[in-house]
C-alpha atoms as a PDB file:
ATOM      1  CA  UNK A   1     169.276  91.012 -84.002  1.00  0.00           C
ATOM      2  CA  UNK A   2     169.371  87.672 -85.838  1.00  0.00           C
ATOM      3  CA  UNK A   3     172.736  85.902 -85.568  1.00  0.00           C
ATOM      4  CA  UNK A   4     172.554  84.466 -89.102  1.00  0.00           C
ATOM      5  CA  UNK A   5     174.037  86.348 -92.041  1.00  0.00           C
ATOM      6  CA  UNK A   6     170.726  85.916 -93.853  1.00  0.00           C
ATOM      7  CA  UNK A   7     168.895  89.191 -94.430  1.00  0.00           C
ATOM      8  CA  UNK A   8     165.747  89.721 -92.390  1.00  0.00           C
ATOM      9  CA  UNK A   9     162.635  88.788 -94.313  1.00  0.00           C
ATOM     10  CA  UNK A  10     160.163  91.619 -94.558  1.00  0.00           C
ATOM     11  CA  UNK A  11     157.070  89.445 -94.010  1.00  0.00           C
ATOM     12  CA  UNK A  12     156.506  88.490 -90.403  1.00  0.00           C
ATOM     13  CA  UNK A  13     155.931  85.130 -88.753  1.00  0.00           C
ATOM     14  CA  UNK A  14     153.826  85.183 -85.578  1.00  0.00           C
ATOM     15  CA  UNK A  15     154.130  82.079 -83.403  1.00  0.00           C
ATOM     16  CA  UNK A  16     151.677  81.343 -80.615  1.00  0.00           C
ATOM     17  CA  UNK A  17     153.037  78.763 -78.227  1.00  0.00           C
ATOM     18  CA  UNK A  18     154.911  77.876 -75.118  1.00  0.00           C
ATOM     19  CA  UNK A  19     158.157  79.022 -73.567  1.00  0.00           C
ATOM     20  CA  UNK A  20     159.574  76.346 -71.293  1.00  0.00           C
ATOM     21  CA  UNK A  21     162.481  75.827 -68.934  1.00  0.00           C
ATOM     22  CA  UNK A  22     164.153  72.645 -70.213  1.00  0.00           C
ATOM     23  CA  UNK A  23     166.133  70.527 -67.785  1.00  0.00           C
ATOM     24  CA  UNK A  24     168.056  68.193 -70.096  1.00  0.00           C
ATOM     25  CA  UNK A  25     169.709  65.086 -68.634  1.00  0.00           C
ATOM     26  CA  UNK A  26     171.941  63.076 -70.968  1.00  0.00           C
ATOM     27  CA  UNK A  27     172.492  59.579 -69.573  1.00  0.00           C
ATOM     28  CA  UNK A  28     174.631  56.833 -71.060  1.00  0.00           C
ATOM     29  CA  UNK A  29     173.025  53.946 -69.178  1.00  0.00           C
ATOM     30  CA  UNK A  30     169.353  53.129 -68.514  1.00  0.00           C
ATOM     31  CA  UNK A  31     167.660  55.081 -65.724  1.00  0.00           C
ATOM     32  CA  UNK A  32     167.383  52.688 -62.778  1.00  0.00           C
ATOM     33  CA  UNK A  33     164.585  52.931 -60.222  1.00  0.00           C
ATOM     34  CA  UNK A  34     165.530  53.577 -56.610  1.00  0.00           C
ATOM     35  CA  UNK A  35     169.159  54.547 -57.194  1.00  0.00           C
ATOM     36  CA  UNK A  36     171.426  57.118 -58.881  1.00  0.00           C
ATOM     37  CA  UNK A  37     172.125  57.228 -62.600  1.00  0.00           C
ATOM     38  CA  UNK A  38     175.062  59.357 -63.770  1.00  0.00           C
ATOM     39  CA  UNK A  39     174.084  62.080 -66.242  1.00  0.00           C
ATOM     40  CA  UNK A  40     175.213  65.370 -67.719  1.00  0.00           C
ATOM     41  CA  UNK A  41     172.474  67.838 -66.741  1.00  0.00           C
ATOM     42  CA  UNK A  42     172.003  71.287 -68.262  1.00  0.00           C
ATOM     43  CA  UNK A  43     169.395  74.043 -68.062  1.00  0.00           C
ATOM     44  CA  UNK A  44     168.183  75.479 -71.369  1.00  0.00           C
ATOM     45  CA  UNK A  45     165.376  77.757 -72.567  1.00  0.00           C
ATOM     46  CA  UNK A  46     162.905  75.751 -74.612  1.00  0.00           C
ATOM     47  CA  UNK A  47     159.273  75.218 -75.509  1.00  0.00           C
ATOM     48  CA  UNK A  48     157.909  74.251 -78.918  1.00  0.00           C
ATOM     49  CA  UNK A  49     156.606  77.700 -79.820  1.00  0.00           C
ATOM     50  CA  UNK A  50     159.596  79.579 -78.443  1.00  0.00           C
ATOM     51  CA  UNK A  51     162.045  77.196 -80.132  1.00  0.00           C
ATOM     52  CA  UNK A  52     160.342  77.670 -83.490  1.00  0.00           C
ATOM     53  CA  UNK A  53     160.358  81.452 -83.141  1.00  0.00           C
ATOM     54  CA  UNK A  54     164.018  81.468 -82.065  1.00  0.00           C
ATOM     55  CA  UNK A  55     165.169  79.311 -84.978  1.00  0.00           C
ATOM     56  CA  UNK A  56     163.081  81.355 -87.428  1.00  0.00           C
ATOM     57  CA  UNK A  57     164.616  84.599 -86.177  1.00  0.00           C
ATOM     58  CA  UNK A  58     168.070  83.029 -86.322  1.00  0.00           C
ATOM     59  CA  UNK A  59     167.428  82.067 -89.941  1.00  0.00           C
ATOM     60  CA  UNK A  60     166.441  85.612 -90.868  1.00  0.00           C
ATOM     61  CA  UNK A  61     162.683  85.759 -90.367  1.00  0.00           C
ATOM     62  CA  UNK A  62     160.886  88.645 -88.710  1.00  0.00           C
ATOM     63  CA  UNK A  63     159.728  86.271 -85.970  1.00  0.00           C
ATOM     64  CA  UNK A  64     157.380  87.208 -83.150  1.00  0.00           C
ATOM     65  CA  UNK A  65     156.203  85.070 -80.223  1.00  0.00           C
ATOM     66  CA  UNK A  66     153.006  85.308 -78.187  1.00  0.00           C
ATOM     67  CA  UNK A  67     153.457  83.351 -74.945  1.00  0.00           C
ATOM     68  CA  UNK A  68     152.795  83.412 -71.223  1.00  0.00           C
ATOM     69  CA  UNK A  69     155.719  83.218 -68.800  1.00  0.00           C
ATOM     70  CA  UNK A  70     155.822  82.600 -65.062  1.00  0.00           C
ATOM     71  CA  UNK A  71     156.946  84.797 -62.203  1.00  0.00           C
ATOM     72  CA  UNK A  72     160.084  82.743 -61.573  1.00  0.00           C
ATOM     73  CA  UNK A  73     162.083  83.090 -64.789  1.00  0.00           C
ATOM     74  CA  UNK A  74     160.397  85.571 -67.128  1.00  0.00           C
ATOM     75  CA  UNK A  75     163.382  87.931 -67.349  1.00  0.00           C
ATOM     76  CA  UNK A  76     165.732  85.096 -68.334  1.00  0.00           C
ATOM     77  CA  UNK A  77     163.369  83.686 -70.944  1.00  0.00           C
ATOM     78  CA  UNK A  78     162.667  87.081 -72.472  1.00  0.00           C
ATOM     79  CA  UNK A  79     166.376  87.922 -72.643  1.00  0.00           C
ATOM     80  CA  UNK A  80     167.178  84.602 -74.325  1.00  0.00           C
ATOM     81  CA  UNK A  81     164.494  85.165 -76.951  1.00  0.00           C
ATOM     82  CA  UNK A  82     165.647  88.708 -77.637  1.00  0.00           C
ATOM     83  CA  UNK A  83     169.241  87.467 -78.084  1.00  0.00           C
ATOM     84  CA  UNK A  84     168.096  85.303 -81.000  1.00  0.00           C
ATOM     85  CA  UNK A  85     166.168  88.183 -82.569  1.00  0.00           C
ATOM     86  CA  UNK A  86     162.601  87.253 -81.564  1.00  0.00           C
ATOM     87  CA  UNK A  87     160.113  90.069 -81.042  1.00  0.00           C
ATOM     88  CA  UNK A  88     158.406  89.030 -77.825  1.00  0.00           C
ATOM     89  CA  UNK A  89     154.775  89.560 -76.854  1.00  0.00           C
ATOM     90  CA  UNK A  90     154.636  87.922 -73.439  1.00  0.00           C
ATOM     91  CA  UNK A  91     152.552  88.262 -70.309  1.00  0.00           C
ATOM     92  CA  UNK A  92     154.026  87.348 -66.949  1.00  0.00           C
ATOM     93  CA  UNK A  93     151.762  85.309 -64.668  1.00  0.00           C
ATOM     94  CA  UNK A  94     152.237  86.494 -61.060  1.00  0.00           C
ATOM     95  CA  UNK A  95     150.966  83.245 -59.514  1.00  0.00           C
ATOM     96  CA  UNK A  96     152.370  80.427 -61.638  1.00  0.00           C
ATOM     97  CA  UNK A  97     155.905  79.426 -62.647  1.00  0.00           C
ATOM     98  CA  UNK A  98     157.065  79.131 -66.231  1.00  0.00           C
ATOM     99  CA  UNK A  99     156.434  75.715 -67.741  1.00  0.00           C
ATOM    100  CA  UNK A 100     159.136  73.119 -67.020  1.00  0.00           C
ATOM    101  CA  UNK A 101     160.125  70.013 -68.962  1.00  0.00           C
ATOM    102  CA  UNK A 102     162.594  67.450 -67.649  1.00  0.00           C
ATOM    103  CA  UNK A 103     164.002  65.708 -70.734  1.00  0.00           C
ATOM    104  CA  UNK A 104     165.907  62.469 -70.156  1.00  0.00           C
ATOM    105  CA  UNK A 105     168.033  61.810 -73.244  1.00  0.00           C
ATOM    106  CA  UNK A 106     169.603  58.392 -73.818  1.00  0.00           C
ATOM    107  CA  UNK A 107     172.802  57.655 -75.752  1.00  0.00           C
ATOM    108  CA  UNK A 108     170.884  57.371 -79.045  1.00  0.00           C
ATOM    109  CA  UNK A 109     169.626  60.942 -78.626  1.00  0.00           C
ATOM    110  CA  UNK A 110     166.035  59.838 -77.989  1.00  0.00           C
ATOM    111  CA  UNK A 111     164.245  61.549 -75.124  1.00  0.00           C
ATOM    112  CA  UNK A 112     161.549  60.905 -72.532  1.00  0.00           C
ATOM    113  CA  UNK A 113     159.878  63.903 -70.937  1.00  0.00           C
ATOM    114  CA  UNK A 114     158.219  64.929 -67.691  1.00  0.00           C
ATOM    115  CA  UNK A 115     156.149  68.085 -68.155  1.00  0.00           C
ATOM    116  CA  UNK A 116     154.577  70.806 -66.029  1.00  0.00           C
ATOM    117  CA  UNK A 117     152.939  73.353 -68.322  1.00  0.00           C
ATOM    118  CA  UNK A 118     152.724  75.977 -65.562  1.00  0.00           C
ATOM    119  CA  UNK A 119     151.848  79.473 -66.784  1.00  0.00           C
ATOM    120  CA  UNK A 120     151.856  78.256 -70.372  1.00  0.00           C
ATOM    121  CA  UNK A 121     148.609  76.380 -69.857  1.00  0.00           C
ATOM    122  CA  UNK A 122     146.902  79.646 -68.909  1.00  0.00           C
ATOM    123  CA  UNK A 123     147.531  81.602 -72.103  1.00  0.00           C
ATOM    124  CA  UNK A 124     144.118  82.804 -73.261  1.00  0.00           C
ATOM    125  CA  UNK A 125     142.128  85.140 -75.480  1.00  0.00           C
ATOM    126  CA  UNK A 126     142.898  87.929 -72.998  1.00  0.00           C
ATOM    127  CA  UNK A 127     146.491  87.786 -74.295  1.00  0.00           C
ATOM    128  CA  UNK A 128     145.347  88.413 -77.857  1.00  0.00           C
ATOM    129  CA  UNK A 129     145.100  91.635 -79.838  1.00  0.00           C
ATOM    130  CA  UNK A 130     144.410  91.721 -83.597  1.00  0.00           C
ATOM    131  CA  UNK A 131     147.213  94.252 -83.972  1.00  0.00           C
ATOM    132  CA  UNK A 132     149.639  91.363 -83.354  1.00  0.00           C
ATOM    133  CA  UNK A 133     148.973  90.434 -86.988  1.00  0.00           C
ATOM    134  CA  UNK A 134     150.299  93.760 -88.309  1.00  0.00           C
ATOM    135  CA  UNK A 135     153.087  92.992 -90.780  1.00  0.00           C
ATOM    136  CA  UNK A 136     152.526  89.246 -90.413  1.00  0.00           C
ATOM    137  CA  UNK A 137     152.290  86.930 -93.418  1.00  0.00           C
ATOM    138  CA  UNK A 138     151.869  83.712 -91.440  1.00  0.00           C
ATOM    139  CA  UNK A 139     150.389  82.708 -88.087  1.00  0.00           C
ATOM    140  CA  UNK A 140     151.875  79.491 -86.694  1.00  0.00           C
ATOM    141  CA  UNK A 141     150.357  77.733 -83.682  1.00  0.00           C
ATOM    142  CA  UNK A 142     151.837  75.054 -81.464  1.00  0.00           C
ATOM    143  CA  UNK A 143     149.341  72.266 -80.851  1.00  0.00           C
ATOM    144  CA  UNK A 144     149.970  72.591 -77.121  1.00  0.00           C
ATOM    145  CA  UNK A 145     147.918  75.798 -77.182  1.00  0.00           C
ATOM    146  CA  UNK A 146     144.813  73.769 -78.077  1.00  0.00           C
ATOM    147  CA  UNK A 147     145.014  71.364 -75.147  1.00  0.00           C
ATOM    148  CA  UNK A 148     143.673  73.685 -72.408  1.00  0.00           C
ATOM    149  CA  UNK A 149     140.375  75.573 -72.530  1.00  0.00           C
ATOM    150  CA  UNK A 150     141.780  79.132 -72.395  1.00  0.00           C
ATOM    151  CA  UNK A 151     144.377  78.353 -75.056  1.00  0.00           C
ATOM    152  CA  UNK A 152     141.792  76.727 -77.305  1.00  0.00           C
ATOM    153  CA  UNK A 153     139.651  79.852 -77.162  1.00  0.00           C
ATOM    154  CA  UNK A 154     142.741  81.912 -77.998  1.00  0.00           C
ATOM    155  CA  UNK A 155     143.525  79.679 -80.967  1.00  0.00           C
ATOM    156  CA  UNK A 156     139.983  80.025 -82.302  1.00  0.00           C
ATOM    157  CA  UNK A 157     140.097  83.812 -82.005  1.00  0.00           C
ATOM    158  CA  UNK A 158     143.583  84.213 -83.474  1.00  0.00           C
ATOM    159  CA  UNK A 159     142.816  81.929 -86.422  1.00  0.00           C
ATOM    160  CA  UNK A 160     139.553  83.741 -87.133  1.00  0.00           C
ATOM    161  CA  UNK A 161     141.302  87.107 -87.142  1.00  0.00           C
ATOM    162  CA  UNK A 162     144.129  85.747 -89.280  1.00  0.00           C
ATOM    163  CA  UNK A 163     141.719  84.268 -91.806  1.00  0.00           C
ATOM    164  CA  UNK A 164     139.814  87.555 -91.983  1.00  0.00           C
ATOM    165  CA  UNK A 165     143.079  89.423 -92.567  1.00  0.00           C
ATOM    166  CA  UNK A 166     144.266  87.030 -95.274  1.00  0.00           C
ATOM    167  CA  UNK A 167     147.130  85.736 -93.117  1.00  0.00           C
ATOM    168  CA  UNK A 168     148.202  82.134 -93.801  1.00  0.00           C
ATOM    169  CA  UNK A 169     147.852  79.710 -90.873  1.00  0.00           C
ATOM    170  CA  UNK A 170     149.932  76.667 -89.969  1.00  0.00           C
ATOM    171  CA  UNK A 171     149.803  74.150 -87.131  1.00  0.00           C
ATOM    172  CA  UNK A 172     152.333  71.910 -85.415  1.00  0.00           C
ATOM    173  CA  UNK A 173     150.318  69.114 -83.719  1.00  0.00           C
ATOM    174  CA  UNK A 174     152.764  68.945 -80.765  1.00  0.00           C
ATOM    175  CA  UNK A 175     152.684  65.386 -79.348  1.00  0.00           C
ATOM    176  CA  UNK A 176     150.745  62.135 -79.707  1.00  0.00           C
ATOM    177  CA  UNK A 177     149.881  61.766 -76.005  1.00  0.00           C
ATOM    178  CA  UNK A 178     148.013  65.080 -75.649  1.00  0.00           C
ATOM    179  CA  UNK A 179     146.489  64.586 -79.118  1.00  0.00           C
ATOM    180  CA  UNK A 180     144.929  61.290 -78.048  1.00  0.00           C
ATOM    181  CA  UNK A 181     143.642  62.813 -74.834  1.00  0.00           C
ATOM    182  CA  UNK A 182     142.220  65.842 -76.642  1.00  0.00           C
ATOM    183  CA  UNK A 183     140.701  63.706 -79.396  1.00  0.00           C
ATOM    184  CA  UNK A 184     141.986  63.303 -82.943  1.00  0.00           C
ATOM    185  CA  UNK A 185     138.816  64.320 -84.769  1.00  0.00           C
ATOM    186  CA  UNK A 186     138.286  67.169 -82.331  1.00  0.00           C
ATOM    187  CA  UNK A 187     141.808  68.458 -82.997  1.00  0.00           C
ATOM    188  CA  UNK A 188     141.325  68.254 -86.759  1.00  0.00           C
ATOM    189  CA  UNK A 189     138.016  70.089 -86.437  1.00  0.00           C
ATOM    190  CA  UNK A 190     139.428  72.831 -84.209  1.00  0.00           C
ATOM    191  CA  UNK A 191     142.510  73.331 -86.391  1.00  0.00           C
ATOM    192  CA  UNK A 192     140.566  73.299 -89.661  1.00  0.00           C
ATOM    193  CA  UNK A 193     141.266  76.988 -90.478  1.00  0.00           C
ATOM    194  CA  UNK A 194     144.940  76.094 -90.995  1.00  0.00           C
ATOM    195  CA  UNK A 195     146.148  75.566 -94.550  1.00  0.00           C
ATOM    196  CA  UNK A 196     149.328  73.770 -93.488  1.00  0.00           C
ATOM    197  CA  UNK A 197     150.028  71.100 -90.871  1.00  0.00           C
ATOM    198  CA  UNK A 198     153.566  69.986 -89.909  1.00  0.00           C
ATOM    199  CA  UNK A 199     153.413  66.714 -87.909  1.00  0.00           C
ATOM    200  CA  UNK A 200     156.161  64.206 -87.243  1.00  0.00           C
ATOM    201  CA  UNK A 201     155.577  60.661 -88.455  1.00  0.00           C
ATOM    202  CA  UNK A 202     153.863  59.387 -85.291  1.00  0.00           C
ATOM    203  CA  UNK A 203     151.556  62.398 -85.191  1.00  0.00           C
ATOM    204  CA  UNK A 204     150.783  62.093 -88.900  1.00  0.00           C
ATOM    205  CA  UNK A 205     149.856  58.409 -88.579  1.00  0.00           C
ATOM    206  CA  UNK A 206     147.677  59.127 -85.540  1.00  0.00           C
ATOM    207  CA  UNK A 207     145.870  62.060 -87.147  1.00  0.00           C
ATOM    208  CA  UNK A 208     145.302  60.322 -90.485  1.00  0.00           C
ATOM    209  CA  UNK A 209     144.786  56.700 -89.453  1.00  0.00           C
ATOM    210  CA  UNK A 210     147.222  55.758 -92.230  1.00  0.00           C
ATOM    211  CA  UNK A 211     150.022  53.199 -92.006  1.00  0.00           C
ATOM    212  CA  UNK A 212     152.677  54.970 -94.107  1.00  0.00           C
ATOM    213  CA  UNK A 213     154.118  58.467 -94.182  1.00  0.00           C
ATOM    214  CA  UNK A 214     153.117  59.016 -97.802  1.00  0.00           C
ATOM    215  CA  UNK A 215     149.510  57.989 -97.235  1.00  0.00           C
ATOM    216  CA  UNK A 216     149.317  60.059 -94.069  1.00  0.00           C
ATOM    217  CA  UNK A 217     150.609  63.126 -95.899  1.00  0.00           C
ATOM    218  CA  UNK A 218     148.090  62.628 -98.691  1.00  0.00           C
ATOM    219  CA  UNK A 219     145.130  62.260 -96.322  1.00  0.00           C
ATOM    220  CA  UNK A 220     146.145  65.225 -94.180  1.00  0.00           C
ATOM    221  CA  UNK A 221     146.669  67.391 -97.252  1.00  0.00           C
ATOM    222  CA  UNK A 222     143.105  66.617 -98.297  1.00  0.00           C
ATOM    223  CA  UNK A 223     141.978  68.074 -94.961  1.00  0.00           C
ATOM    224  CA  UNK A 224     144.341  71.037 -94.658  1.00  0.00           C
ATOM    225  CA  UNK A 225     145.543  71.748 -98.188  1.00  0.00           C
ATOM    226  CA  UNK A 226     149.220  71.115 -97.433  1.00  0.00           C
ATOM    227  CA  UNK A 227     150.821  68.567 -95.105  1.00  0.00           C
ATOM    228  CA  UNK A 228     154.531  68.328 -94.358  1.00  0.00           C
ATOM    229  CA  UNK A 229     155.511  65.121 -92.564  1.00  0.00           C
ATOM    230  CA  UNK A 230     158.795  65.180 -90.633  1.00  0.00           C
ATOM    231  CA  UNK A 231     160.698  61.886 -90.817  1.00  0.00           C
ATOM    232  CA  UNK A 232     163.639  62.614 -88.539  1.00  0.00           C
ATOM    233  CA  UNK A 233     166.937  61.436 -90.003  1.00  0.00           C
ATOM    234  CA  UNK A 234     165.045  60.200 -93.075  1.00  0.00           C
ATOM    235  CA  UNK A 235     164.097  63.745 -94.098  1.00  0.00           C
ATOM    236  CA  UNK A 236     160.568  64.948 -94.847  1.00  0.00           C
ATOM    237  CA  UNK A 237     157.895  65.027 -97.518  1.00  0.00           C
ATOM    238  CA  UNK A 238     155.164  67.402 -98.655  1.00  0.00           C
ATOM    239  CA  UNK A 239     151.692  66.632 -99.985  1.00  0.00           C
ATOM    240  CA  UNK A 240     149.384  69.235-101.496  1.00  0.00           C
ATOM    241  CA  UNK A 241     145.685  68.685-102.196  1.00  0.00           C
ATOM    242  CA  UNK A 242     145.912  64.911-102.046  1.00  0.00           C
ATOM    243  CA  UNK A 243     149.217  64.257-103.814  1.00  0.00           C
ATOM    244  CA  UNK A 244     152.848  64.012-102.674  1.00  0.00           C
ATOM    245  CA  UNK A 245     154.675  66.825-104.464  1.00  0.00           C
ATOM    246  CA  UNK A 246     158.146  66.870-102.863  1.00  0.00           C
ATOM    247  CA  UNK A 247     160.497  64.949-100.629  1.00  0.00           C
ATOM    248  CA  UNK A 248     163.966  65.429 -99.201  1.00  0.00           C
ATOM    249  CA  UNK A 249     166.190  62.630 -97.948  1.00  0.00           C
ATOM    250  CA  UNK A 250     167.580  64.469 -94.944  1.00  0.00           C
ATOM    251  CA  UNK A 251     170.917  65.907 -93.837  1.00  0.00           C
ATOM    252  CA  UNK A 252     173.471  63.646 -92.091  1.00  0.00           C
ATOM    253  CA  UNK A 253     174.117  64.727 -88.521  1.00  0.00           C
ATOM    254  CA  UNK A 254     175.631  63.354 -85.350  1.00  0.00           C
ATOM    255  CA  UNK A 255     172.706  63.132 -82.930  1.00  0.00           C
ATOM    256  CA  UNK A 256     173.498  64.518 -79.495  1.00  0.00           C
ATOM    257  CA  UNK A 257     170.018  65.562 -78.346  1.00  0.00           C
ATOM    258  CA  UNK A 258     166.770  65.450 -80.341  1.00  0.00           C
ATOM    259  CA  UNK A 259     165.118  68.135 -78.187  1.00  0.00           C
ATOM    260  CA  UNK A 260     163.616  70.819 -80.415  1.00  0.00           C
ATOM    261  CA  UNK A 261     164.531  69.180 -83.726  1.00  0.00           C
ATOM    262  CA  UNK A 262     160.963  69.265 -85.003  1.00  0.00           C
ATOM    263  CA  UNK A 263     160.621  72.897 -83.933  1.00  0.00           C
ATOM    264  CA  UNK A 264     163.826  73.776 -85.790  1.00  0.00           C
ATOM    265  CA  UNK A 265     162.558  71.943 -88.872  1.00  0.00           C
ATOM    266  CA  UNK A 266     159.297  73.895 -88.764  1.00  0.00           C
ATOM    267  CA  UNK A 267     161.224  77.159 -88.461  1.00  0.00           C
ATOM    268  CA  UNK A 268     163.459  76.326 -91.396  1.00  0.00           C
ATOM    269  CA  UNK A 269     160.531  75.282 -93.553  1.00  0.00           C
ATOM    270  CA  UNK A 270     158.349  78.276 -92.648  1.00  0.00           C
ATOM    271  CA  UNK A 271     161.186  80.770 -93.094  1.00  0.00           C
ATOM    272  CA  UNK A 272     161.885  79.301 -96.511  1.00  0.00           C
ATOM    273  CA  UNK A 273     158.293  79.434 -97.744  1.00  0.00           C
ATOM    274  CA  UNK A 274     158.099  83.066 -96.665  1.00  0.00           C
ATOM    275  CA  UNK A 275     160.780  83.557 -99.337  1.00  0.00           C
ATOM    276  CA  UNK A 276     158.612  81.784-101.949  1.00  0.00           C
ATOM    277  CA  UNK A 277     161.132  79.009-102.619  1.00  0.00           C
ATOM    278  CA  UNK A 278     160.193  75.637-104.088  1.00  0.00           C
ATOM    279  CA  UNK A 279     158.695  72.862-101.985  1.00  0.00           C
ATOM    280  CA  UNK A 280     161.944  70.889-102.270  1.00  0.00           C
ATOM    281  CA  UNK A 281     164.044  73.856-101.136  1.00  0.00           C
ATOM    282  CA  UNK A 282     161.719  74.471 -98.187  1.00  0.00           C
ATOM    283  CA  UNK A 283     162.035  70.838 -97.091  1.00  0.00           C
ATOM    284  CA  UNK A 284     165.806  71.075 -97.391  1.00  0.00           C
ATOM    285  CA  UNK A 285     165.835  74.249 -95.271  1.00  0.00           C
ATOM    286  CA  UNK A 286     163.795  72.471 -92.617  1.00  0.00           C
ATOM    287  CA  UNK A 287     166.073  69.444 -92.611  1.00  0.00           C
ATOM    288  CA  UNK A 288     169.168  71.618 -92.384  1.00  0.00           C
ATOM    289  CA  UNK A 289     167.802  73.377 -89.315  1.00  0.00           C
ATOM    290  CA  UNK A 290     166.766  70.081 -87.737  1.00  0.00           C
ATOM    291  CA  UNK A 291     170.226  68.605 -88.341  1.00  0.00           C
ATOM    292  CA  UNK A 292     171.887  71.590 -86.697  1.00  0.00           C
ATOM    293  CA  UNK A 293     169.560  71.264 -83.722  1.00  0.00           C
ATOM    294  CA  UNK A 294     170.186  67.574 -83.000  1.00  0.00           C
ATOM    295  CA  UNK A 295     173.952  68.117 -83.080  1.00  0.00           C
ATOM    296  CA  UNK A 296     173.813  70.169 -79.868  1.00  0.00           C
ATOM    297  CA  UNK A 297     172.226  70.042 -76.422  1.00  0.00           C
ATOM    298  CA  UNK A 298     168.937  71.920 -76.144  1.00  0.00           C
ATOM    299  CA  UNK A 299     166.321  73.089 -78.617  1.00  0.00           C
ATOM    300  CA  UNK A 300     167.549  76.607 -79.473  1.00  0.00           C
ATOM    301  CA  UNK A 301     170.184  77.813 -81.963  1.00  0.00           C
ATOM    302  CA  UNK A 302     173.614  78.520 -80.565  1.00  0.00           C
ATOM    303  CA  UNK A 303     174.746  82.121 -80.755  1.00  0.00           C
ATOM    304  CA  UNK A 304     176.994  82.618 -83.753  1.00  0.00           C
ATOM    305  CA  UNK A 305     175.854  79.411 -85.503  1.00  0.00           C
ATOM    306  CA  UNK A 306     175.731  79.904 -89.285  1.00  0.00           C
ATOM    307  CA  UNK A 307     173.681  77.194 -90.992  1.00  0.00           C
ATOM    308  CA  UNK A 308     174.601  78.488 -94.443  1.00  0.00           C
ATOM    309  CA  UNK A 309     178.208  77.473 -93.778  1.00  0.00           C
ATOM    310  CA  UNK A 310     177.352  74.158 -92.115  1.00  0.00           C
ATOM    311  CA  UNK A 311     174.724  73.052 -94.646  1.00  0.00           C
ATOM    312  CA  UNK A 312     174.716  75.165 -97.846  1.00  0.00           C
ATOM    313  CA  UNK A 313     171.163  75.399 -99.222  1.00  0.00           C
ATOM    314  CA  UNK A 314     170.258  74.794-102.858  1.00  0.00           C
ATOM    315  CA  UNK A 315     167.609  77.182-104.190  1.00  0.00           C
ATOM    316  CA  UNK A 316     167.319  75.959-107.765  1.00  0.00           C
END
């Protein structure tokens, strides 16, 4: 069951994405080659798709996750998702481990990552069933799904079925490195069925070719309909059909670890728009979730965390 006091929303959110074992190392001094660097190291469940689903469930959404786990840690990952209220649709790969990310976090909270996508890179159309859309109002895809052939075919199929069923589609572009390797125009073309894209600033500038957040949001909204650009501590802004329509200045927070902050923002924003709130209120909900995320280690909500008490939301 969700840990938030918010009532469960009766329109579902289906997330397709990755579940990852995060090894988070917080180091106060620069990592030196060829020697030891002292660090606090923790193991956390993570993954962009799984983080988004977990935060959405925590915030009251009927959140479901389609993912592929590995033979080594599937029981742990599934249990952690269920604890946050996520309805899991996962397949366990008998030959590959669950994806692993080693996140090295410096004293500013910024992170560098080493990634092995493991079983996550093998999610495919064979994992899909149109019945997964039953009761779903929005399909949300992590951009990481697009970056391997089987996942790309899954994304095409899921988006086609969602469009045919009248289910809204949104995309999180994932990361600038894989986007460049995949191809910017190719990504935009493949994700065209989506009516909403939620990039961070670097991703927005890369995808749009713009030099400012506002211009990037405008250009991306002309392609997708709606673009929400995440600006970290500076908040976020929304453009619709070629015009900026809302912005939010952000929520002050002590940054401990930025892992999962963008995923938490997406969850807060998507959960809010499922409640038909204003654009400004949806941005605020996203920023509140992101602020709660960066104030802790790891990309998932803590059990018992109540965002409504930490950061009261304004719905007017």
